[in-house]
PDB file of N, CA and C in Angstrom:
ATOM      1  N   MET A   1     141.543 130.599 117.586  1.00  0.00           N
ATOM      2  CA  MET A   1     140.156 131.005 117.477  1.00  0.00           C
ATOM      3  C   MET A   1     139.486 130.363 116.256  1.00  0.00           C
ATOM      4  N   TRP A   2     140.172 130.403 115.120  1.00  0.00           N
ATOM      5  CA  TRP A   2     139.606 129.825 113.916  1.00  0.00           C
ATOM      6  C   TRP A   2     139.469 128.319 114.032  1.00  0.00           C
ATOM      7  N   THR A   3     140.335 127.699 114.776  1.00  0.00           N
ATOM      8  CA  THR A   3     140.257 126.249 114.926  1.00  0.00           C
ATOM      9  C   THR A   3     139.023 125.844 115.726  1.00  0.00           C
ATOM     10  N   ASN A   4     138.654 126.646 116.726  1.00  0.00           N
ATOM     11  CA  ASN A   4     137.443 126.351 117.502  1.00  0.00           C
ATOM     12  C   ASN A   4     136.198 126.440 116.630  1.00  0.00           C
ATOM     13  N   ILE A   5     136.165 127.450 115.772  1.00  0.00           N
ATOM     14  CA  ILE A   5     135.022 127.607 114.866  1.00  0.00           C
ATOM     15  C   ILE A   5     134.982 126.445 113.886  1.00  0.00           C
ATOM     16  N   LEU A   6     136.137 126.060 113.369  1.00  0.00           N
ATOM     17  CA  LEU A   6     136.208 124.945 112.420  1.00  0.00           C
ATOM     18  C   LEU A   6     135.754 123.641 113.069  1.00  0.00           C
ATOM     19  N   TYR A   7     136.213 123.369 114.303  1.00  0.00           N
ATOM     20  CA  TYR A   7     135.815 122.141 115.002  1.00  0.00           C
ATOM     21  C   TYR A   7     134.319 122.119 115.315  1.00  0.00           C
ATOM     22  N   SER A   8     133.769 123.217 115.744  1.00  0.00           N
ATOM     23  CA  SER A   8     132.349 123.263 116.078  1.00  0.00           C
ATOM     24  C   SER A   8     131.497 123.147 114.807  1.00  0.00           C
ATOM     25  N   SER A   9     131.952 123.722 113.718  1.00  0.00           N
ATOM     26  CA  SER A   9     131.219 123.612 112.451  1.00  0.00           C
ATOM     27  C   SER A   9     131.253 122.179 111.952  1.00  0.00           C
ATOM     28  N   THR A  10     132.397 121.537 112.061  1.00  0.00           N
ATOM     29  CA  THR A  10     132.533 120.147 111.638  1.00  0.00           C
ATOM     30  C   THR A  10     131.638 119.248 112.486  1.00  0.00           C
ATOM     31  N   ALA A  11     131.612 119.460 113.767  1.00  0.00           N
ATOM     32  CA  ALA A  11     130.760 118.661 114.658  1.00  0.00           C
ATOM     33  C   ALA A  11     129.285 118.863 114.324  1.00  0.00           C
ATOM     34  N   LEU A  12     128.897 120.090 114.030  1.00  0.00           N
ATOM     35  CA  LEU A  12     127.508 120.379 113.679  1.00  0.00           C
ATOM     36  C   LEU A  12     127.126 119.688 112.367  1.00  0.00           C
ATOM     37  N   ILE A  13     128.016 119.713 111.401  1.00  0.00           N
ATOM     38  CA  ILE A  13     127.749 119.058 110.117  1.00  0.00           C
ATOM     39  C   ILE A  13     127.624 117.546 110.312  1.00  0.00           C
ATOM     40  N   ILE A  14     128.471 116.958 111.126  1.00  0.00           N
ATOM     41  CA  ILE A  14     128.398 115.520 111.389  1.00  0.00           C
ATOM     42  C   ILE A  14     127.084 115.157 112.072  1.00  0.00           C
ATOM     43  N   ILE A  15     126.648 115.950 113.028  1.00  0.00           N
ATOM     44  CA  ILE A  15     125.383 115.696 113.722  1.00  0.00           C
ATOM     45  C   ILE A  15     124.217 115.787 112.740  1.00  0.00           C
ATOM     46  N   ILE A  16     124.239 116.780 111.863  1.00  0.00           N
ATOM     47  CA  ILE A  16     123.160 116.933 110.879  1.00  0.00           C
ATOM     48  C   ILE A  16     123.133 115.740 109.930  1.00  0.00           C
ATOM     49  N   ILE A  17     124.300 115.280 109.495  1.00  0.00           N
ATOM     50  CA  ILE A  17     124.366 114.118 108.608  1.00  0.00           C
ATOM     51  C   ILE A  17     123.841 112.869 109.307  1.00  0.00           C
ATOM     52  N   LEU A  18     124.196 112.671 110.575  1.00  0.00           N
ATOM     53  CA  LEU A  18     123.711 111.510 111.320  1.00  0.00           C
ATOM     54  C   LEU A  18     122.191 111.540 111.483  1.00  0.00           C
ATOM     55  N   ILE A  19     121.652 112.699 111.774  1.00  0.00           N
ATOM     56  CA  ILE A  19     120.197 112.835 111.905  1.00  0.00           C
ATOM     57  C   ILE A  19     119.523 112.530 110.568  1.00  0.00           C
ATOM     58  N   ALA A  20     120.089 113.021 109.472  1.00  0.00           N
ATOM     59  CA  ALA A  20     119.520 112.764 108.146  1.00  0.00           C
ATOM     60  C   ALA A  20     119.538 111.273 107.822  1.00  0.00           C
ATOM     61  N   VAL A  21     120.605 110.575 108.182  1.00  0.00           N
ATOM     62  CA  VAL A  21     120.695 109.138 107.921  1.00  0.00           C
ATOM     63  C   VAL A  21     119.644 108.381 108.724  1.00  0.00           C
ATOM     64  N   VAL A  22     119.457 108.724 109.980  1.00  0.00           N
ATOM     65  CA  VAL A  22     118.457 108.054 110.824  1.00  0.00           C
ATOM     66  C   VAL A  22     117.055 108.289 110.271  1.00  0.00           C
ATOM     67  N   VAL A  23     116.744 109.515 109.898  1.00  0.00           N
ATOM     68  CA  VAL A  23     115.422 109.825 109.344  1.00  0.00           C
ATOM     69  C   VAL A  23     115.206 109.056 108.049  1.00  0.00           C
ATOM     70  N   TYR A  24     116.206 108.961 107.205  1.00  0.00           N
ATOM     71  CA  TYR A  24     116.112 108.233 105.945  1.00  0.00           C
ATOM     72  C   TYR A  24     115.833 106.747 106.187  1.00  0.00           C
ATOM     73  N   VAL A  25     116.542 106.139 107.116  1.00  0.00           N
ATOM     74  CA  VAL A  25     116.364 104.711 107.402  1.00  0.00           C
ATOM     75  C   VAL A  25     114.964 104.443 107.948  1.00  0.00           C
ATOM     76  N   VAL A  26     114.482 105.289 108.839  1.00  0.00           N
ATOM     77  CA  VAL A  26     113.141 105.113 109.400  1.00  0.00           C
ATOM     78  C   VAL A  26     112.083 105.257 108.303  1.00  0.00           C
ATOM     79  N   ASN A  27     112.236 106.236 107.427  1.00  0.00           N
ATOM     80  CA  ASN A  27     111.267 106.438 106.352  1.00  0.00           C
ATOM     81  C   ASN A  27     111.271 105.295 105.358  1.00  0.00           C
ATOM     82  N   ILE A  28     112.407 104.730 105.057  1.00  0.00           N
ATOM     83  CA  ILE A  28     112.477 103.603 104.127  1.00  0.00           C
ATOM     84  C   ILE A  28     111.695 102.411 104.679  1.00  0.00           C
ATOM     85  N   LYS A  29     111.827 102.129 105.977  1.00  0.00           N
ATOM     86  CA  LYS A  29     111.084 101.019 106.582  1.00  0.00           C
ATOM     87  C   LYS A  29     109.581 101.254 106.480  1.00  0.00           C
ATOM     88  N   ASN A  30     109.137 102.487 106.775  1.00  0.00           N
ATOM     89  CA  ASN A  30     107.712 102.801 106.698  1.00  0.00           C
ATOM     90  C   ASN A  30     107.196 102.726 105.270  1.00  0.00           C
ATOM     91  N   LEU A  31     107.993 103.165 104.307  1.00  0.00           N
ATOM     92  CA  LEU A  31     107.572 103.112 102.917  1.00  0.00           C
ATOM     93  C   LEU A  31     107.429 101.675 102.429  1.00  0.00           C
ATOM     94  N   LYS A  32     108.308 100.795 102.875  1.00  0.00           N
ATOM     95  CA  LYS A  32     108.208  99.384 102.491  1.00  0.00           C
ATOM     96  C   LYS A  32     106.927  98.763 103.052  1.00  0.00           C
ATOM     97  N   LYS A  33     106.611  99.066 104.317  1.00  0.00           N
ATOM     98  CA  LYS A  33     105.383  98.547 104.925  1.00  0.00           C
ATOM     99  C   LYS A  33     104.159  99.076 104.192  1.00  0.00           C
ATOM    100  N   GLN A  34     104.170 100.367 103.887  1.00  0.00           N
ATOM    101  CA  GLN A  34     103.037 100.987 103.210  1.00  0.00           C
ATOM    102  C   GLN A  34     102.867 100.414 101.799  1.00  0.00           C
ATOM    103  N   LYS A  35     103.951 100.202 101.092  1.00  0.00           N
ATOM    104  CA  LYS A  35     103.889  99.638  99.745  1.00  0.00           C
ATOM    105  C   LYS A  35     103.297  98.232  99.777  1.00  0.00           C
ATOM    106  N   GLU A  36     103.713  97.425 100.731  1.00  0.00           N
ATOM    107  CA  GLU A  36     103.192  96.058 100.866  1.00  0.00           C
ATOM    108  C   GLU A  36     101.701  96.073 101.222  1.00  0.00           C
ATOM    109  N   HIS A  37     101.297  97.000 102.102  1.00  0.00           N
ATOM    110  CA  HIS A  37      99.897  97.131 102.509  1.00  0.00           C
ATOM    111  C   HIS A  37      99.011  97.422 101.298  1.00  0.00           C
ATOM    112  N   PHE A  38      99.404  98.406 100.490  1.00  0.00           N
ATOM    113  CA  PHE A  38      98.586  98.762  99.331  1.00  0.00           C
ATOM    114  C   PHE A  38      98.633  97.692  98.247  1.00  0.00           C
ATOM    115  N   LYS A  39      99.752  96.982  98.136  1.00  0.00           N
ATOM    116  CA  LYS A  39      99.838  95.884  97.174  1.00  0.00           C
ATOM    117  C   LYS A  39      98.821  94.798  97.536  1.00  0.00           C
ATOM    118  N   ASN A  40      98.723  94.470  98.821  1.00  0.00           N
ATOM    119  CA  ASN A  40      97.746  93.474  99.281  1.00  0.00           C
ATOM    120  C   ASN A  40      96.319  93.938  99.031  1.00  0.00           C
ATOM    121  N   ILE A  41      96.051  95.215  99.288  1.00  0.00           N
ATOM    122  CA  ILE A  41      94.702  95.746  99.065  1.00  0.00           C
ATOM    123  C   ILE A  41      94.330  95.624  97.605  1.00  0.00           C
ATOM    124  N   HIS A  42      95.202  96.022  96.708  1.00  0.00           N
ATOM    125  CA  HIS A  42      94.866  96.061  95.289  1.00  0.00           C
ATOM    126  C   HIS A  42      94.785  94.669  94.687  1.00  0.00           C
ATOM    127  N   GLN A  43      95.441  93.699  95.288  1.00  0.00           N
ATOM    128  CA  GLN A  43      95.316  92.320  94.810  1.00  0.00           C
ATOM    129  C   GLN A  43      94.037  91.667  95.309  1.00  0.00           C
ATOM    130  N   ASN A  44      93.517  92.134  96.443  1.00  0.00           N
ATOM    131  CA  ASN A  44      92.344  91.506  97.051  1.00  0.00           C
ATOM    132  C   ASN A  44      91.029  92.205  96.717  1.00  0.00           C
ATOM    133  N   ILE A  45      91.047  93.153  95.790  1.00  0.00           N
ATOM    134  CA  ILE A  45      89.802  93.824  95.404  1.00  0.00           C
ATOM    135  C   ILE A  45      88.988  92.860  94.540  1.00  0.00           C
ATOM    136  N   LYS A  46      87.773  92.582  95.006  1.00  0.00           N
ATOM    137  CA  LYS A  46      86.868  91.690  94.283  1.00  0.00           C
ATOM    138  C   LYS A  46      85.473  92.305  94.293  1.00  0.00           C
ATOM    139  N   VAL A  47      84.631  91.870  93.391  1.00  0.00           N
ATOM    140  CA  VAL A  47      83.245  92.336  93.351  1.00  0.00           C
ATOM    141  C   VAL A  47      82.563  91.957  94.658  1.00  0.00           C
ATOM    142  N   GLY A  48      81.852  92.918  95.254  1.00  0.00           N
ATOM    143  CA  GLY A  48      81.131  92.674  96.499  1.00  0.00           C
ATOM    144  C   GLY A  48      81.905  93.067  97.750  1.00  0.00           C
ATOM    145  N   THR A  49      83.169  93.430  97.603  1.00  0.00           N
ATOM    146  CA  THR A  49      83.990  93.816  98.746  1.00  0.00           C
ATOM    147  C   THR A  49      83.645  95.233  99.180  1.00  0.00           C
ATOM    148  N   LYS A  50      83.465  95.442 100.477  1.00  0.00           N
ATOM    149  CA  LYS A  50      83.231  96.790 100.999  1.00  0.00           C
ATOM    150  C   LYS A  50      84.585  97.466 101.178  1.00  0.00           C
ATOM    151  N   VAL A  51      84.694  98.723 100.684  1.00  0.00           N
ATOM    152  CA  VAL A  51      85.965  99.430 100.721  1.00  0.00           C
ATOM    153  C   VAL A  51      85.770 100.893 101.119  1.00  0.00           C
ATOM    154  N   GLU A  52      86.878 101.518 101.472  1.00  0.00           N
ATOM    155  CA  GLU A  52      86.923 102.958 101.711  1.00  0.00           C
ATOM    156  C   GLU A  52      87.884 103.548 100.690  1.00  0.00           C
ATOM    157  N   VAL A  53      87.468 104.672 100.099  1.00  0.00           N
ATOM    158  CA  VAL A  53      88.284 105.349  99.105  1.00  0.00           C
ATOM    159  C   VAL A  53      89.011 106.517  99.786  1.00  0.00           C
ATOM    160  N   LEU A  54      90.064 107.024  99.148  1.00  0.00           N
ATOM    161  CA  LEU A  54      90.908 108.087  99.691  1.00  0.00           C
ATOM    162  C   LEU A  54      90.148 109.225 100.368  1.00  0.00           C
ATOM    163  N   ASN A  55      89.119 109.736  99.749  1.00  0.00           N
ATOM    164  CA  ASN A  55      88.430 110.903 100.285  1.00  0.00           C
ATOM    165  C   ASN A  55      87.336 110.555 101.287  1.00  0.00           C
ATOM    166  N   GLY A  56      87.310 109.311 101.772  1.00  0.00           N
ATOM    167  CA  GLY A  56      86.384 108.936 102.830  1.00  0.00           C
ATOM    168  C   GLY A  56      85.071 108.357 102.357  1.00  0.00           C
ATOM    169  N   ILE A  57      84.933 108.098 101.074  1.00  0.00           N
ATOM    170  CA  ILE A  57      83.704 107.504 100.548  1.00  0.00           C
ATOM    171  C   ILE A  57      83.746 105.995 100.785  1.00  0.00           C
ATOM    172  N   TYR A  58      82.647 105.473 101.335  1.00  0.00           N
ATOM    173  CA  TYR A  58      82.514 104.037 101.561  1.00  0.00           C
ATOM    174  C   TYR A  58      81.560 103.471 100.524  1.00  0.00           C
ATOM    175  N   GLY A  59      81.834 102.258 100.098  1.00  0.00           N
ATOM    176  CA  GLY A  59      80.942 101.626  99.150  1.00  0.00           C
ATOM    177  C   GLY A  59      81.313 100.178  98.929  1.00  0.00           C
ATOM    178  N   LYS A  60      80.565  99.541  98.027  1.00  0.00           N
ATOM    179  CA  LYS A  60      80.786  98.138  97.690  1.00  0.00           C
ATOM    180  C   LYS A  60      81.211  98.070  96.231  1.00  0.00           C
ATOM    181  N   ILE A  61      82.216  97.251  95.941  1.00  0.00           N
ATOM    182  CA  ILE A  61      82.733  97.124  94.590  1.00  0.00           C
ATOM    183  C   ILE A  61      81.681  96.459  93.702  1.00  0.00           C
ATOM    184  N   ALA A  62      81.297  97.141  92.608  1.00  0.00           N
ATOM    185  CA  ALA A  62      80.324  96.588  91.666  1.00  0.00           C
ATOM    186  C   ALA A  62      81.030  95.881  90.521  1.00  0.00           C
ATOM    187  N   SER A  63      82.162  96.423  90.073  1.00  0.00           N
ATOM    188  CA  SER A  63      82.950  95.756  89.033  1.00  0.00           C
ATOM    189  C   SER A  63      84.387  96.238  89.119  1.00  0.00           C
ATOM    190  N   VAL A  64      85.309  95.400  88.653  1.00  0.00           N
ATOM    191  CA  VAL A  64      86.731  95.706  88.696  1.00  0.00           C
ATOM    192  C   VAL A  64      87.259  95.735  87.266  1.00  0.00           C
ATOM    193  N   ASN A  65      87.878  96.842  86.898  1.00  0.00           N
ATOM    194  CA  ASN A  65      88.514  96.971  85.594  1.00  0.00           C
ATOM    195  C   ASN A  65      90.022  97.024  85.801  1.00  0.00           C
ATOM    196  N   GLU A  66      90.761  97.246  84.729  1.00  0.00           N
ATOM    197  CA  GLU A  66      92.221  97.235  84.838  1.00  0.00           C
ATOM    198  C   GLU A  66      92.743  98.350  85.752  1.00  0.00           C
ATOM    199  N   ASP A  67      92.288  99.582  85.543  1.00  0.00           N
ATOM    200  CA  ASP A  67      92.772 100.711  86.342  1.00  0.00           C
ATOM    201  C   ASP A  67      91.693 101.361  87.196  1.00  0.00           C
ATOM    202  N   THR A  68      90.443 100.953  87.020  1.00  0.00           N
ATOM    203  CA  THR A  68      89.349 101.570  87.759  1.00  0.00           C
ATOM    204  C   THR A  68      88.454 100.503  88.376  1.00  0.00           C
ATOM    205  N   VAL A  69      87.655 100.951  89.328  1.00  0.00           N
ATOM    206  CA  VAL A  69      86.608 100.092  89.892  1.00  0.00           C
ATOM    207  C   VAL A  69      85.313 100.892  89.906  1.00  0.00           C
ATOM    208  N   ASP A  70      84.197 100.208  89.748  1.00  0.00           N
ATOM    209  CA  ASP A  70      82.894 100.838  89.912  1.00  0.00           C
ATOM    210  C   ASP A  70      82.465 100.597  91.344  1.00  0.00           C
ATOM    211  N   LEU A  71      82.157 101.680  92.030  1.00  0.00           N
ATOM    212  CA  LEU A  71      81.844 101.632  93.454  1.00  0.00           C
ATOM    213  C   LEU A  71      80.385 101.997  93.662  1.00  0.00           C
ATOM    214  N   LYS A  72      79.619 101.091  94.266  1.00  0.00           N
ATOM    215  CA  LYS A  72      78.212 101.358  94.558  1.00  0.00           C
ATOM    216  C   LYS A  72      78.133 101.940  95.961  1.00  0.00           C
ATOM    217  N   VAL A  73      77.655 103.187  96.048  1.00  0.00           N
ATOM    218  CA  VAL A  73      77.548 103.858  97.345  1.00  0.00           C
ATOM    219  C   VAL A  73      76.154 103.624  97.929  1.00  0.00           C
ATOM    220  N   LYS A  74      75.930 104.092  99.135  1.00  0.00           N
ATOM    221  CA  LYS A  74      74.707 103.803  99.889  1.00  0.00           C
ATOM    222  C   LYS A  74      73.431 104.226  99.150  1.00  0.00           C
ATOM    223  N   SER A  75      73.496 105.335  98.427  1.00  0.00           N
ATOM    224  CA  SER A  75      72.301 105.817  97.731  1.00  0.00           C
ATOM    225  C   SER A  75      71.968 104.984  96.499  1.00  0.00           C
ATOM    226  N   GLY A  76      72.831 104.032  96.145  1.00  0.00           N
ATOM    227  CA  GLY A  76      72.595 103.186  94.989  1.00  0.00           C
ATOM    228  C   GLY A  76      73.314 103.664  93.740  1.00  0.00           C
ATOM    229  N   VAL A  77      73.914 104.832  93.824  1.00  0.00           N
ATOM    230  CA  VAL A  77      74.648 105.389  92.686  1.00  0.00           C
ATOM    231  C   VAL A  77      75.963 104.634  92.527  1.00  0.00           C
ATOM    232  N   ILE A  78      76.332 104.373  91.292  1.00  0.00           N
ATOM    233  CA  ILE A  78      77.606 103.710  91.005  1.00  0.00           C
ATOM    234  C   ILE A  78      78.556 104.753  90.452  1.00  0.00           C
ATOM    235  N   ILE A  79      79.722 104.892  91.104  1.00  0.00           N
ATOM    236  CA  ILE A  79      80.726 105.842  90.647  1.00  0.00           C
ATOM    237  C   ILE A  79      81.982 105.087  90.237  1.00  0.00           C
ATOM    238  N   GLU A  80      82.682 105.647  89.286  1.00  0.00           N
ATOM    239  CA  GLU A  80      83.917 105.033  88.812  1.00  0.00           C
ATOM    240  C   GLU A  80      85.092 105.764  89.459  1.00  0.00           C
ATOM    241  N   VAL A  81      85.949 105.005  90.129  1.00  0.00           N
ATOM    242  CA  VAL A  81      87.126 105.579  90.782  1.00  0.00           C
ATOM    243  C   VAL A  81      88.356 104.761  90.406  1.00  0.00           C
ATOM    244  N   SER A  82      89.499 105.363  90.576  1.00  0.00           N
ATOM    245  CA  SER A  82      90.747 104.651  90.340  1.00  0.00           C
ATOM    246  C   SER A  82      90.880 103.537  91.366  1.00  0.00           C
ATOM    247  N   ARG A  83      91.343 102.386  90.935  1.00  0.00           N
ATOM    248  CA  ARG A  83      91.514 101.284  91.886  1.00  0.00           C
ATOM    249  C   ARG A  83      92.613 101.606  92.880  1.00  0.00           C
ATOM    250  N   TYR A  84      93.484 102.545  92.551  1.00  0.00           N
ATOM    251  CA  TYR A  84      94.558 102.929  93.457  1.00  0.00           C
ATOM    252  C   TYR A  84      94.104 103.950  94.499  1.00  0.00           C
ATOM    253  N   ALA A  85      92.845 104.406  94.389  1.00  0.00           N
ATOM    254  CA  ALA A  85      92.278 105.296  95.387  1.00  0.00           C
ATOM    255  C   ALA A  85      91.699 104.518  96.567  1.00  0.00           C
ATOM    256  N   VAL A  86      91.571 103.216  96.421  1.00  0.00           N
ATOM    257  CA  VAL A  86      91.054 102.371  97.503  1.00  0.00           C
ATOM    258  C   VAL A  86      92.128 102.274  98.590  1.00  0.00           C
ATOM    259  N   THR A  87      91.787 102.703  99.802  1.00  0.00           N
ATOM    260  CA  THR A  87      92.763 102.730 100.883  1.00  0.00           C
ATOM    261  C   THR A  87      92.531 101.657 101.939  1.00  0.00           C
ATOM    262  N   LYS A  88      91.309 101.136 102.019  1.00  0.00           N
ATOM    263  CA  LYS A  88      91.028 100.177 103.077  1.00  0.00           C
ATOM    264  C   LYS A  88      89.933  99.221 102.642  1.00  0.00           C
ATOM    265  N   ILE A  89      90.105  97.963 102.971  1.00  0.00           N
ATOM    266  CA  ILE A  89      89.056  96.976 102.765  1.00  0.00           C
ATOM    267  C   ILE A  89      88.341  96.805 104.103  1.00  0.00           C
ATOM    268  N   ILE A  90      87.018  96.994 104.086  1.00  0.00           N
ATOM    269  CA  ILE A  90      86.217  96.907 105.304  1.00  0.00           C
ATOM    270  C   ILE A  90      85.783  95.466 105.482  1.00  0.00           C
ATOM    271  N   LYS A  91      86.058  94.899 106.640  1.00  0.00           N
ATOM    272  CA  LYS A  91      85.692  93.496 106.919  1.00  0.00           C
ATOM    273  C   LYS A  91      84.274  93.417 107.414  1.00  0.00           C
TER     274      LYS A  91
END
């Protein structure tokens, strides 16, 4: 009786470990793609580029600083945001 419980517990632990390994491998691939995507975005930020920021604000880059960008929104207001908040370059 105890051997059946031991075998079923061992099989369950092995299945859980295999699932964890598969999930880890899939997430690593997605993280690499995402890291490359944002690296390209942050290298291609230039004055005059239309962008979207994390919280859904759209605007045009007015100036680029080391860690921030000045973003001119539709109303003409210029706001300062982190350059790492830029999520998409609008073509």
